[in-house]
PDB file of N, CA and C in Angstrom:
ATOM      1  N   MET A   1      66.524 -28.748-115.354  1.00  0.00           N
ATOM      2  CA  MET A   1      65.446 -29.261-113.945  1.00  0.00           C
ATOM      3  C   MET A   1      66.587 -30.413-113.783  1.00  0.00           C
ATOM      4  N   ASN A   2      66.597 -31.117-112.277  1.00  0.00           N
ATOM      5  CA  ASN A   2      67.423 -31.808-111.982  1.00  0.00           C
ATOM      6  C   ASN A   2      66.282 -32.903-112.488  1.00  0.00           C
ATOM      7  N   SER A   3      66.820 -33.996-112.029  1.00  0.00           N
ATOM      8  CA  SER A   3      65.522 -35.390-112.209  1.00  0.00           C
ATOM      9  C   SER A   3      65.351 -35.960-111.178  1.00  0.00           C
ATOM     10  N   ASP A   4      65.644 -35.187-110.293  1.00  0.00           N
ATOM     11  CA  ASP A   4      64.269 -35.802-108.874  1.00  0.00           C
ATOM     12  C   ASP A   4      63.523 -34.514-108.332  1.00  0.00           C
ATOM     13  N   ILE A   5      63.464 -33.697-109.274  1.00  0.00           N
ATOM     14  CA  ILE A   5      62.707 -32.365-109.616  1.00  0.00           C
ATOM     15  C   ILE A   5      61.861 -32.430-110.012  1.00  0.00           C
ATOM     16  N   PHE A   6      60.184 -31.932-109.966  1.00  0.00           N
ATOM     17  CA  PHE A   6      59.240 -32.543-110.550  1.00  0.00           C
ATOM     18  C   PHE A   6      57.570 -32.187-110.535  1.00  0.00           C
ATOM     19  N   ASP A   7      57.089 -31.539-110.789  1.00  0.00           N
ATOM     20  CA  ASP A   7      55.917 -31.281-109.982  1.00  0.00           C
ATOM     21  C   ASP A   7      55.522 -32.214-109.886  1.00  0.00           C
ATOM     22  N   LEU A   8      54.404 -32.183-108.316  1.00  0.00           N
ATOM     23  CA  LEU A   8      53.774 -32.691-107.349  1.00  0.00           C
ATOM     24  C   LEU A   8      53.326 -34.249-107.868  1.00  0.00           C
ATOM     25  N   SER A   9      52.140 -33.453-109.529  1.00  0.00           N
ATOM     26  CA  SER A   9      51.694 -34.700-109.962  1.00  0.00           C
ATOM     27  C   SER A   9      52.553 -35.421-110.057  1.00  0.00           C
ATOM     28  N   GLN A  10      53.538 -36.163-110.492  1.00  0.00           N
ATOM     29  CA  GLN A  10      54.231 -37.196-110.895  1.00  0.00           C
ATOM     30  C   GLN A  10      54.765 -37.894-109.846  1.00  0.00           C
ATOM     31  N   LEU A  11      54.708 -37.712-108.466  1.00  0.00           N
ATOM     32  CA  LEU A  11      55.523 -38.207-107.060  1.00  0.00           C
ATOM     33  C   LEU A  11      55.168 -39.514-107.387  1.00  0.00           C
ATOM     34  N   PRO A  12      56.023 -40.614-107.281  1.00  0.00           N
ATOM     35  CA  PRO A  12      55.083 -41.813-107.441  1.00  0.00           C
ATOM     36  C   PRO A  12      53.821 -41.634-105.748  1.00  0.00           C
ATOM     37  N   VAL A  13      53.156 -42.501-106.116  1.00  0.00           N
ATOM     38  CA  VAL A  13      52.142 -43.965-104.593  1.00  0.00           C
ATOM     39  C   VAL A  13      53.928 -44.287-103.545  1.00  0.00           C
ATOM     40  N   GLY A  14      53.196 -44.017-102.265  1.00  0.00           N
ATOM     41  CA  GLY A  14      54.533 -43.737-101.381  1.00  0.00           C
ATOM     42  C   GLY A  14      55.356 -43.444-101.098  1.00  0.00           C
ATOM     43  N   CYS A  15      56.249 -42.053-102.044  1.00  0.00           N
ATOM     44  CA  CYS A  15      57.545 -41.342-102.413  1.00  0.00           C
ATOM     45  C   CYS A  15      57.014 -40.911-101.372  1.00  0.00           C
ATOM     46  N   LEU A  16      58.133 -39.823-100.553  1.00  0.00           N
ATOM     47  CA  LEU A  16      57.804 -38.404 -99.879  1.00  0.00           C
ATOM     48  C   LEU A  16      58.800 -37.587-100.542  1.00  0.00           C
ATOM     49  N   GLY A  17      58.331 -36.467-101.033  1.00  0.00           N
ATOM     50  CA  GLY A  17      59.199 -35.100-101.576  1.00  0.00           C
ATOM     51  C   GLY A  17      59.106 -33.826-100.643  1.00  0.00           C
ATOM     52  N   THR A  18      59.632 -33.370-101.198  1.00  0.00           N
ATOM     53  CA  THR A  18      60.130 -31.171-100.236  1.00  0.00           C
ATOM     54  C   THR A  18      59.855 -30.801-101.527  1.00  0.00           C
ATOM     55  N   VAL A  19      58.700 -29.588-100.770  1.00  0.00           N
ATOM     56  CA  VAL A  19      58.304 -28.881-102.008  1.00  0.00           C
ATOM     57  C   VAL A  19      59.866 -27.258-102.166  1.00  0.00           C
ATOM     58  N   VAL A  20      60.116 -27.142-103.328  1.00  0.00           N
ATOM     59  CA  VAL A  20      61.220 -26.480-103.348  1.00  0.00           C
ATOM     60  C   VAL A  20      59.639 -25.189-104.494  1.00  0.00           C
ATOM     61  N   GLU A  21      59.156 -24.947-104.634  1.00  0.00           N
ATOM     62  CA  GLU A  21      58.221 -23.707-104.707  1.00  0.00           C
ATOM     63  C   GLU A  21      56.990 -24.154-105.655  1.00  0.00           C
ATOM     64  N   ILE A  22      56.180 -22.654-105.971  1.00  0.00           N
ATOM     65  CA  ILE A  22      54.671 -22.761-106.350  1.00  0.00           C
ATOM     66  C   ILE A  22      54.778 -22.194-107.133  1.00  0.00           C
ATOM     67  N   ASN A  23      54.148 -22.687-108.579  1.00  0.00           N
ATOM     68  CA  ASN A  23      54.815 -21.549-109.537  1.00  0.00           C
ATOM     69  C   ASN A  23      52.879 -21.075-109.835  1.00  0.00           C
ATOM     70  N   ALA A  24      52.354 -20.579-108.796  1.00  0.00           N
ATOM     71  CA  ALA A  24      51.272 -20.075-108.986  1.00  0.00           C
ATOM     72  C   ALA A  24      51.339 -17.916-108.300  1.00  0.00           C
ATOM     73  N   ALA A  25      50.479 -17.431-109.142  1.00  0.00           N
ATOM     74  CA  ALA A  25      50.754 -16.845-108.111  1.00  0.00           C
ATOM     75  C   ALA A  25      49.274 -15.236-107.591  1.00  0.00           C
ATOM     76  N   GLY A  26      49.202 -15.243-106.918  1.00  0.00           N
ATOM     77  CA  GLY A  26      47.825 -14.442-105.791  1.00  0.00           C
ATOM     78  C   GLY A  26      47.440 -15.273-105.010  1.00  0.00           C
ATOM     79  N   ARG A  27      46.392 -15.397-105.157  1.00  0.00           N
ATOM     80  CA  ARG A  27      45.363 -16.134-104.133  1.00  0.00           C
ATOM     81  C   ARG A  27      45.589 -17.485-104.335  1.00  0.00           C
ATOM     82  N   GLU A  28      45.306 -17.874-105.999  1.00  0.00           N
ATOM     83  CA  GLU A  28      45.862 -19.357-105.437  1.00  0.00           C
ATOM     84  C   GLU A  28      47.135 -19.442-105.309  1.00  0.00           C
ATOM     85  N   LYS A  29      48.435 -18.759-105.156  1.00  0.00           N
ATOM     86  CA  LYS A  29      49.913 -19.473-104.396  1.00  0.00           C
ATOM     87  C   LYS A  29      48.787 -19.196-103.070  1.00  0.00           C
ATOM     88  N   ASP A  30      48.349 -18.437-102.288  1.00  0.00           N
ATOM     89  CA  ASP A  30      48.225 -17.616-101.079  1.00  0.00           C
ATOM     90  C   ASP A  30      47.226 -19.790-100.927  1.00  0.00           C
ATOM     91  N   ARG A  31      46.528 -19.714-101.234  1.00  0.00           N
ATOM     92  CA  ARG A  31      45.270 -20.940-101.059  1.00  0.00           C
ATOM     93  C   ARG A  31      46.271 -22.196-101.075  1.00  0.00           C
ATOM     94  N   LEU A  32      47.189 -22.716-102.052  1.00  0.00           N
ATOM     95  CA  LEU A  32      47.624 -23.736-101.553  1.00  0.00           C
ATOM     96  C   LEU A  32      48.969 -23.481-100.743  1.00  0.00           C
ATOM     97  N   THR A  33      49.741 -22.624-100.497  1.00  0.00           N
ATOM     98  CA  THR A  33      50.682 -22.213 -98.867  1.00  0.00           C
ATOM     99  C   THR A  33      49.450 -22.555 -98.007  1.00  0.00           C
ATOM    100  N   ASP A  34      48.762 -21.740 -97.912  1.00  0.00           N
ATOM    101  CA  ASP A  34      47.086 -22.227 -96.658  1.00  0.00           C
ATOM    102  C   ASP A  34      47.918 -23.783 -96.430  1.00  0.00           C
ATOM    103  N   MET A  35      47.096 -24.161 -97.482  1.00  0.00           N
ATOM    104  CA  MET A  35      46.686 -25.733 -97.044  1.00  0.00           C
ATOM    105  C   MET A  35      48.565 -26.806 -97.076  1.00  0.00           C
ATOM    106  N   GLY A  36      49.345 -25.835 -96.979  1.00  0.00           N
ATOM    107  CA  GLY A  36      50.298 -26.916 -96.463  1.00  0.00           C
ATOM    108  C   GLY A  36      51.611 -27.121 -97.672  1.00  0.00           C
ATOM    109  N   PHE A  37      51.398 -26.781 -98.389  1.00  0.00           N
ATOM    110  CA  PHE A  37      52.660 -26.532 -99.640  1.00  0.00           C
ATOM    111  C   PHE A  37      53.299 -25.634 -99.584  1.00  0.00           C
ATOM    112  N   ALA A  38      54.116 -25.058 -98.698  1.00  0.00           N
ATOM    113  CA  ALA A  38      54.664 -24.875 -98.810  1.00  0.00           C
ATOM    114  C   ALA A  38      56.405 -24.848 -98.862  1.00  0.00           C
ATOM    115  N   PRO A  39      57.569 -23.887 -99.463  1.00  0.00           N
ATOM    116  CA  PRO A  39      58.872 -24.265-100.340  1.00  0.00           C
ATOM    117  C   PRO A  39      59.084 -24.997 -98.817  1.00  0.00           C
ATOM    118  N   SER A  40      60.381 -26.298 -98.715  1.00  0.00           N
ATOM    119  CA  SER A  40      60.751 -26.846 -97.783  1.00  0.00           C
ATOM    120  C   SER A  40      60.023 -27.758 -96.190  1.00  0.00           C
ATOM    121  N   LEU A  41      58.474 -27.917 -97.104  1.00  0.00           N
ATOM    122  CA  LEU A  41      57.859 -28.092 -96.364  1.00  0.00           C
ATOM    123  C   LEU A  41      57.600 -29.500 -96.834  1.00  0.00           C
ATOM    124  N   LYS A  42      57.627 -30.844 -96.541  1.00  0.00           N
ATOM    125  CA  LYS A  42      56.619 -32.101 -96.860  1.00  0.00           C
ATOM    126  C   LYS A  42      55.510 -32.828 -97.175  1.00  0.00           C
ATOM    127  N   VAL A  43      55.739 -33.568 -97.734  1.00  0.00           N
ATOM    128  CA  VAL A  43      54.539 -34.365 -99.189  1.00  0.00           C
ATOM    129  C   VAL A  43      54.657 -35.792 -99.266  1.00  0.00           C
ATOM    130  N   LYS A  44      53.557 -36.440 -99.542  1.00  0.00           N
ATOM    131  CA  LYS A  44      53.799 -37.539 -99.495  1.00  0.00           C
ATOM    132  C   LYS A  44      52.650 -37.797-100.273  1.00  0.00           C
ATOM    133  N   THR A  45      52.324 -39.282-101.457  1.00  0.00           N
ATOM    134  CA  THR A  45      52.094 -39.816-102.500  1.00  0.00           C
ATOM    135  C   THR A  45      51.521 -40.464-101.341  1.00  0.00           C
ATOM    136  N   LEU A  46      50.025 -40.400-100.759  1.00  0.00           N
ATOM    137  CA  LEU A  46      49.206 -41.702-100.407  1.00  0.00           C
ATOM    138  C   LEU A  46      48.416 -42.642-100.962  1.00  0.00           C
ATOM    139  N   PHE A  47      47.269 -42.337-102.103  1.00  0.00           N
ATOM    140  CA  PHE A  47      47.047 -42.834-103.823  1.00  0.00           C
ATOM    141  C   PHE A  47      46.806 -42.096-104.768  1.00  0.00           C
ATOM    142  N   LYS A  48      46.392 -42.819-105.573  1.00  0.00           N
ATOM    143  CA  LYS A  48      45.310 -41.678-106.505  1.00  0.00           C
ATOM    144  C   LYS A  48      43.609 -42.200-107.045  1.00  0.00           C
ATOM    145  N   SER A  49      43.256 -41.812-107.668  1.00  0.00           N
ATOM    146  CA  SER A  49      41.826 -42.309-107.956  1.00  0.00           C
ATOM    147  C   SER A  49      41.731 -43.247-108.924  1.00  0.00           C
ATOM    148  N   PRO A  50      40.805 -43.890-108.763  1.00  0.00           N
ATOM    149  CA  PRO A  50      40.509 -44.658-110.356  1.00  0.00           C
ATOM    150  C   PRO A  50      40.821 -43.749-111.087  1.00  0.00           C
ATOM    151  N   ALA A  51      40.785 -42.701-112.119  1.00  0.00           N
ATOM    152  CA  ALA A  51      40.513 -42.189-113.086  1.00  0.00           C
ATOM    153  C   ALA A  51      41.672 -41.636-112.973  1.00  0.00           C
ATOM    154  N   GLN A  52      42.998 -41.764-111.823  1.00  0.00           N
ATOM    155  CA  GLN A  52      44.562 -40.572-111.550  1.00  0.00           C
ATOM    156  C   GLN A  52      44.323 -39.156-111.657  1.00  0.00           C
ATOM    157  N   ASN A  53      43.120 -39.030-111.400  1.00  0.00           N
ATOM    158  CA  ASN A  53      42.651 -37.328-111.017  1.00  0.00           C
ATOM    159  C   ASN A  53      41.665 -37.994-110.246  1.00  0.00           C
ATOM    160  N   PRO A  54      41.567 -37.070-108.554  1.00  0.00           N
ATOM    161  CA  PRO A  54      42.578 -36.664-107.858  1.00  0.00           C
ATOM    162  C   PRO A  54      43.691 -37.003-107.591  1.00  0.00           C
ATOM    163  N   ILE A  55      44.085 -36.789-106.468  1.00  0.00           N
ATOM    164  CA  ILE A  55      45.477 -37.726-105.995  1.00  0.00           C
ATOM    165  C   ILE A  55      45.409 -36.776-103.858  1.00  0.00           C
ATOM    166  N   ALA A  56      45.563 -38.190-103.809  1.00  0.00           N
ATOM    167  CA  ALA A  56      45.462 -37.861-102.241  1.00  0.00           C
ATOM    168  C   ALA A  56      47.201 -37.801-101.867  1.00  0.00           C
ATOM    169  N   TYR A  57      47.606 -36.834-101.035  1.00  0.00           N
ATOM    170  CA  TYR A  57      48.569 -36.439 -99.954  1.00  0.00           C
ATOM    171  C   TYR A  57      48.902 -36.004 -98.682  1.00  0.00           C
ATOM    172  N   GLU A  58      48.892 -36.028 -98.346  1.00  0.00           N
ATOM    173  CA  GLU A  58      49.079 -35.752 -97.158  1.00  0.00           C
ATOM    174  C   GLU A  58      50.658 -34.783 -96.483  1.00  0.00           C
ATOM    175  N   VAL A  59      49.822 -33.813 -95.908  1.00  0.00           N
ATOM    176  CA  VAL A  59      51.266 -32.875 -95.953  1.00  0.00           C
ATOM    177  C   VAL A  59      50.490 -32.544 -94.460  1.00  0.00           C
ATOM    178  N   MET A  60      51.919 -31.964 -93.873  1.00  0.00           N
ATOM    179  CA  MET A  60      51.426 -31.311 -92.169  1.00  0.00           C
ATOM    180  C   MET A  60      50.698 -32.323 -91.892  1.00  0.00           C
ATOM    181  N   GLY A  61      50.929 -33.513 -91.631  1.00  0.00           N
ATOM    182  CA  GLY A  61      49.376 -34.704 -91.088  1.00  0.00           C
ATOM    183  C   GLY A  61      48.219 -34.926 -91.269  1.00  0.00           C
ATOM    184  N   ALA A  62      48.009 -33.880 -92.629  1.00  0.00           N
ATOM    185  CA  ALA A  62      46.743 -33.453 -93.126  1.00  0.00           C
ATOM    186  C   ALA A  62      46.651 -34.142 -94.601  1.00  0.00           C
ATOM    187  N   VAL A  63      45.326 -35.436 -94.879  1.00  0.00           N
ATOM    188  CA  VAL A  63      45.179 -35.986 -95.845  1.00  0.00           C
ATOM    189  C   VAL A  63      44.431 -35.317 -97.067  1.00  0.00           C
ATOM    190  N   LEU A  64      45.299 -34.547 -97.658  1.00  0.00           N
ATOM    191  CA  LEU A  64      43.805 -33.536 -99.157  1.00  0.00           C
ATOM    192  C   LEU A  64      44.198 -34.130-100.277  1.00  0.00           C
ATOM    193  N   ALA A  65      43.392 -34.066-100.709  1.00  0.00           N
ATOM    194  CA  ALA A  65      43.513 -34.024-102.243  1.00  0.00           C
ATOM    195  C   ALA A  65      43.356 -32.770-103.212  1.00  0.00           C
ATOM    196  N   LEU A  66      43.853 -33.016-104.226  1.00  0.00           N
ATOM    197  CA  LEU A  66      44.214 -32.170-105.205  1.00  0.00           C
ATOM    198  C   LEU A  66      44.242 -32.807-106.410  1.00  0.00           C
ATOM    199  N   ARG A  67      43.609 -32.045-107.718  1.00  0.00           N
ATOM    200  CA  ARG A  67      43.182 -31.671-108.585  1.00  0.00           C
ATOM    201  C   ARG A  67      45.332 -31.838-109.571  1.00  0.00           C
ATOM    202  N   ASN A  68      44.934 -32.902-110.570  1.00  0.00           N
ATOM    203  CA  ASN A  68      46.094 -32.935-110.956  1.00  0.00           C
ATOM    204  C   ASN A  68      46.356 -31.686-111.740  1.00  0.00           C
ATOM    205  N   GLU A  69      45.689 -31.042-111.978  1.00  0.00           N
ATOM    206  CA  GLU A  69      45.706 -28.863-112.491  1.00  0.00           C
ATOM    207  C   GLU A  69      46.819 -28.030-111.205  1.00  0.00           C
ATOM    208  N   ASP A  70      46.124 -28.146-110.310  1.00  0.00           N
ATOM    209  CA  ASP A  70      46.479 -28.179-108.953  1.00  0.00           C
ATOM    210  C   ASP A  70      48.276 -28.650-108.567  1.00  0.00           C
ATOM    211  N   ALA A  71      48.680 -29.662-108.520  1.00  0.00           N
ATOM    212  CA  ALA A  71      49.531 -30.460-108.470  1.00  0.00           C
ATOM    213  C   ALA A  71      50.600 -29.971-109.022  1.00  0.00           C
ATOM    214  N   SER A  72      50.743 -29.944-110.288  1.00  0.00           N
ATOM    215  CA  SER A  72      51.258 -29.989-112.062  1.00  0.00           C
ATOM    216  C   SER A  72      51.514 -28.326-111.552  1.00  0.00           C
ATOM    217  N   LYS A  73      51.353 -27.465-110.671  1.00  0.00           N
ATOM    218  CA  LYS A  73      51.718 -25.784-110.247  1.00  0.00           C
ATOM    219  C   LYS A  73      52.908 -26.350-108.431  1.00  0.00           C
ATOM    220  N   ILE A  74      52.837 -27.043-108.349  1.00  0.00           N
ATOM    221  CA  ILE A  74      53.696 -27.506-107.198  1.00  0.00           C
ATOM    222  C   ILE A  74      55.274 -28.129-107.048  1.00  0.00           C
ATOM    223  N   ILE A  75      55.856 -27.332-106.427  1.00  0.00           N
ATOM    224  CA  ILE A  75      57.771 -27.992-107.645  1.00  0.00           C
ATOM    225  C   ILE A  75      57.943 -28.391-106.531  1.00  0.00           C
ATOM    226  N   VAL A  76      58.396 -30.136-106.491  1.00  0.00           N
ATOM    227  CA  VAL A  76      58.631 -30.705-105.571  1.00  0.00           C
ATOM    228  C   VAL A  76      60.101 -32.104-105.973  1.00  0.00           C
ATOM    229  N   GLN A  77      61.120 -31.826-104.789  1.00  0.00           N
ATOM    230  CA  GLN A  77      61.987 -32.787-105.127  1.00  0.00           C
ATOM    231  C   GLN A  77      62.180 -34.070-104.348  1.00  0.00           C
ATOM    232  N   GLU A  78      61.738 -34.596-105.181  1.00  0.00           N
ATOM    233  CA  GLU A  78      61.880 -36.159-103.869  1.00  0.00           C
ATOM    234  C   GLU A  78      62.928 -36.835-103.634  1.00  0.00           C
ATOM    235  N   ASP A  79      62.724 -37.151-102.082  1.00  0.00           N
ATOM    236  CA  ASP A  79      62.917 -37.209-100.988  1.00  0.00           C
ATOM    237  C   ASP A  79      64.013 -39.437-101.253  1.00  0.00           C
ATOM    238  N   ASN A  80      64.870 -39.676-100.811  1.00  0.00           N
ATOM    239  CA  ASN A  80      65.834 -40.328-101.110  1.00  0.00           C
ATOM    240  C   ASN A  80      65.456 -41.316 -99.777  1.00  0.00           C
ATOM    241  N   LEU A  81      65.213 -42.112 -99.983  1.00  0.00           N
ATOM    242  CA  LEU A  81      64.056 -43.483 -98.042  1.00  0.00           C
ATOM    243  C   LEU A  81      64.967 -44.476 -98.513  1.00  0.00           C
ATOM    244  N   LEU A  82      65.152 -44.668 -97.141  1.00  0.00           N
ATOM    245  CA  LEU A  82      66.761 -45.571 -97.031  1.00  0.00           C
ATOM    246  C   LEU A  82      65.566 -47.047 -96.809  1.00  0.00           C
TER     247      LEU A  82
END
């Protein structure tokens, strides 16, 4: 796997990534996709809770919090920022 492709829970705060795939099936995959975590969409890590779980993300203009367990099923590629 390329070094700039990893699960969403590892995307650093303030960084932008592009969803590559969802490693879930059935209703769980549908739920994540409905929330906006669909392939080719952009996601940004906003902040982590004091315990580092959950983490807040911005996707499609909305702020969503995901547990690390769920975020680890979303594979992203970090976008290079200028």
